[in-house]
Amino acid sequence: MSLLQTTHAPAPSIGTEIRAAGIYVLTGALALLLQTTILHGLTGGRIIPDLVLILCVYLGLREHNIGGATGAFLLGYLLDSFSGSVVGLHAFAMTTVYLVVYLVSRRLWMDNTWSGVAMVFLGSLLKGVAIVVALAAYLSIDRMSLGVAQTLLAEALLAAALTPIVFGGLGWAKGMAGVI
């Protein structure tokens, strides 16, 4: 047995990859549906939990390949399409969040619940800052109001609170499909 064989896990089969992609597609569709319609209607458009961001962070922590990066971009692009915002704004923000989470998870041990919660909290803040910076480049923004900062913090706390539920549901679905 060579050193290469002992340090690398065997490559997953095509069936495993397709089942994982299917789980991510279904979860992403459910998150988009909930976030852009049901939760938006229930909260009156105030503070909405960012379920798509939680899924994007999950991809950054678990999927270190082109599929994870593509998934994060597509989640952001679909969020742009469904929410009616400036096209590319959420795609840029989600790709940025994925990249930062990916780079951090390559250097730090991110296998427990609390590290996932922390990354979702920081990812939510990063997404908010990326959107504000991108909007400032296109629009005339003199200064950021305190209300924007309070909303960003409240949404980050709400997303962090929902992280164990979403991560647990994804882990359960992947276990049931035999993907883990």
Protein backbone atom coordinates (compact mmCIF):
# COMPACT_ATOMS: atom_id res chain seq x y z
CA MET A 1 0.00 0.00 0.00
CA SER A 2 1.48 3.33 -1.02
CA LEU A 3 1.39 6.57 0.93
CA LEU A 4 -1.07 8.04 -1.58
CA GLN A 5 -3.54 5.22 -0.94
CA THR A 6 -3.44 5.66 2.84
CA THR A 7 -3.96 9.43 2.87
CA HIS A 8 -6.84 9.78 0.41
CA ALA A 9 -10.31 8.38 0.71
CA PRO A 10 -11.72 6.55 -2.27
CA ALA A 11 -13.56 8.72 -4.76
CA PRO A 12 -17.34 8.70 -4.34
CA SER A 13 -19.37 6.91 -6.96
CA ILE A 14 -21.47 8.70 -9.56
CA GLY A 15 -24.65 7.56 -7.82
CA THR A 16 -23.52 9.10 -4.55
CA GLU A 17 -22.71 12.40 -6.25
CA ILE A 18 -26.10 12.49 -8.00
CA ARG A 19 -27.96 11.74 -4.74
CA ALA A 20 -26.02 14.52 -2.96
CA ALA A 21 -26.77 16.96 -5.78
CA GLY A 22 -30.44 16.01 -5.62
CA ILE A 23 -30.54 16.66 -1.88
CA TYR A 24 -28.94 20.07 -2.39
CA VAL A 25 -31.34 20.95 -5.22
CA LEU A 26 -34.41 19.98 -3.19
CA THR A 27 -33.12 21.74 -0.06
CA GLY A 28 -32.23 24.85 -2.06
CA ALA A 29 -35.65 24.94 -3.71
CA LEU A 30 -37.37 24.57 -0.34
CA ALA A 31 -35.18 27.29 1.20
CA LEU A 32 -35.88 29.66 -1.70
CA LEU A 33 -39.61 28.98 -1.52
CA LEU A 34 -39.77 29.52 2.23
CA GLN A 35 -37.53 32.58 2.25
CA THR A 36 -39.07 34.48 -0.65
CA THR A 37 -42.76 33.71 -0.12
CA ILE A 38 -43.95 32.15 3.12
CA LEU A 39 -41.54 33.69 5.64
CA HIS A 40 -41.63 37.03 3.83
CA GLY A 41 -45.40 37.10 4.16
CA LEU A 42 -45.38 36.00 7.80
CA THR A 43 -42.88 38.61 8.95
CA GLY A 44 -44.15 41.44 6.78
CA GLY A 45 -40.78 41.77 5.09
CA ARG A 46 -38.95 42.90 8.21
CA ILE A 47 -36.39 40.42 9.54
CA ILE A 48 -36.39 37.20 7.53
CA PRO A 49 -34.22 34.18 8.31
CA ASP A 50 -31.70 33.68 5.50
CA LEU A 51 -32.13 29.96 4.85
CA VAL A 52 -30.29 30.19 1.53
CA LEU A 53 -27.24 31.62 3.30
CA ILE A 54 -27.26 28.73 5.78
CA LEU A 55 -27.23 26.30 2.86
CA CYS A 56 -24.43 28.28 1.20
CA VAL A 57 -22.33 28.06 4.38
CA TYR A 58 -23.06 24.32 4.57
CA LEU A 59 -21.73 23.98 1.03
CA GLY A 60 -18.63 25.95 1.97
CA LEU A 61 -17.99 23.72 4.97
CA ARG A 62 -18.72 20.36 3.32
CA GLU A 63 -18.37 20.63 -0.47
CA HIS A 64 -14.82 21.65 -1.38
CA ASN A 65 -15.20 21.26 -5.12
CA ILE A 66 -16.57 23.03 -8.17
CA GLY A 67 -20.05 21.74 -7.34
CA GLY A 68 -20.07 23.64 -4.04
CA ALA A 69 -18.96 26.89 -5.66
CA THR A 70 -21.45 26.48 -8.49
CA GLY A 71 -24.19 25.68 -6.00
CA ALA A 72 -23.46 28.84 -4.00
CA PHE A 73 -23.52 30.97 -7.16
CA LEU A 74 -26.77 29.40 -8.38
CA LEU A 75 -28.41 29.85 -4.98
CA GLY A 76 -27.53 33.54 -5.09
CA TYR A 77 -28.64 33.92 -8.69
CA LEU A 78 -31.96 32.20 -8.01
CA LEU A 79 -32.44 34.39 -4.94
CA ASP A 80 -31.88 37.42 -7.19
CA SER A 81 -34.46 36.08 -9.63
CA PHE A 82 -37.08 35.22 -7.02
CA SER A 83 -36.71 38.34 -4.88
CA GLY A 84 -36.65 40.85 -7.72
CA SER A 85 -33.47 42.56 -6.57
CA VAL A 86 -30.60 43.79 -8.71
CA VAL A 87 -29.48 40.80 -10.79
CA GLY A 88 -26.13 39.53 -9.59
CA LEU A 89 -26.23 41.16 -6.16
CA HIS A 90 -27.02 38.02 -4.16
CA ALA A 91 -24.99 35.87 -6.56
CA PHE A 92 -21.94 38.01 -5.76
CA ALA A 93 -22.65 37.95 -2.02
CA MET A 94 -23.25 34.17 -1.85
CA THR A 95 -20.14 33.42 -3.88
CA THR A 96 -18.12 35.67 -1.57
CA VAL A 97 -19.54 33.94 1.51
CA TYR A 98 -18.82 30.51 0.02
CA LEU A 99 -15.23 31.50 -0.78
CA VAL A 100 -14.53 32.86 2.71
CA VAL A 101 -16.15 29.87 4.45
CA TYR A 102 -14.25 27.48 2.18
CA LEU A 103 -10.92 29.17 2.90
CA VAL A 104 -11.54 29.24 6.66
CA SER A 105 -12.69 25.62 6.75
CA ARG A 106 -9.53 24.53 4.94
CA ARG A 107 -7.42 26.01 7.76
CA LEU A 108 -9.53 25.41 10.87
CA TRP A 109 -11.36 22.37 12.20
CA MET A 110 -15.01 23.13 11.45
CA ASP A 111 -16.72 19.84 12.22
CA ASN A 112 -18.91 20.69 15.19
CA THR A 113 -22.19 22.55 15.59
CA TRP A 114 -20.77 25.67 17.23
CA SER A 115 -18.26 26.32 14.47
CA GLY A 116 -21.10 26.04 11.94
CA VAL A 117 -23.20 28.50 13.95
CA ALA A 118 -20.27 30.92 14.12
CA MET A 119 -19.62 30.64 10.39
CA VAL A 120 -23.28 31.29 9.56
CA PHE A 121 -23.28 34.34 11.85
CA LEU A 122 -20.09 35.71 10.27
CA GLY A 123 -21.27 34.72 6.78
CA SER A 124 -24.51 36.61 7.30
CA LEU A 125 -22.63 39.72 8.34
CA LEU A 126 -20.26 39.31 5.39
CA LYS A 127 -23.19 38.93 2.99
CA GLY A 128 -24.77 42.11 4.35
CA VAL A 129 -21.53 44.06 4.02
CA ALA A 130 -20.96 42.72 0.49
CA ILE A 131 -24.45 43.80 -0.56
CA VAL A 132 -24.07 47.27 0.99
CA VAL A 133 -20.65 47.74 -0.69
CA ALA A 134 -21.99 46.54 -4.06
CA LEU A 135 -25.01 48.84 -3.78
CA ALA A 136 -22.77 51.75 -2.80
CA ALA A 137 -20.82 51.21 -6.00
CA TYR A 138 -24.00 51.58 -8.08
CA LEU A 139 -26.15 53.94 -6.03
CA SER A 140 -25.51 57.20 -4.27
CA ILE A 141 -25.29 56.24 -0.61
CA ASP A 142 -24.06 59.02 1.66
CA ARG A 143 -23.88 57.00 4.86
CA MET A 144 -25.22 53.80 6.30
CA SER A 145 -27.97 54.28 8.85
CA LEU A 146 -28.07 52.57 12.22
CA GLY A 147 -31.22 50.73 11.11
CA VAL A 148 -29.26 48.83 8.43
CA ALA A 149 -26.67 47.72 10.98
CA GLN A 150 -29.38 46.63 13.43
CA THR A 151 -31.19 44.67 10.72
CA LEU A 152 -27.94 42.98 9.64
CA LEU A 153 -27.19 41.96 13.22
CA ALA A 154 -30.74 40.70 13.85
CA GLU A 155 -30.74 38.64 10.63
CA ALA A 156 -27.31 37.21 11.47
CA LEU A 157 -28.50 36.17 14.94
CA LEU A 158 -31.67 34.61 13.52
CA ALA A 159 -29.73 32.69 10.86
CA ALA A 160 -27.25 31.47 13.50
CA ALA A 161 -30.12 30.30 15.70
CA LEU A 162 -31.61 28.24 12.84
CA THR A 163 -28.27 26.72 11.81
CA PRO A 164 -28.41 23.55 13.97
CA ILE A 165 -31.89 22.74 12.63
CA VAL A 166 -30.91 23.21 8.96
CA PHE A 167 -27.55 21.42 9.31
CA GLY A 168 -29.24 18.59 11.20
CA GLY A 169 -31.91 18.24 8.52
CA LEU A 170 -29.28 18.16 5.76
CA GLY A 171 -27.26 15.57 7.68
CA TRP A 172 -30.37 13.44 8.19
CA ALA A 173 -31.33 13.65 4.50
CA LYS A 174 -27.82 12.75 3.38
CA GLY A 175 -27.75 9.85 5.82
CA MET A 176 -31.09 8.54 4.57
CA ALA A 177 -29.85 8.76 0.96
CA GLY A 178 -26.60 7.01 1.86
CA VAL A 179 -24.47 9.98 0.86
CA ILE A 180 -22.45 10.51 4.06
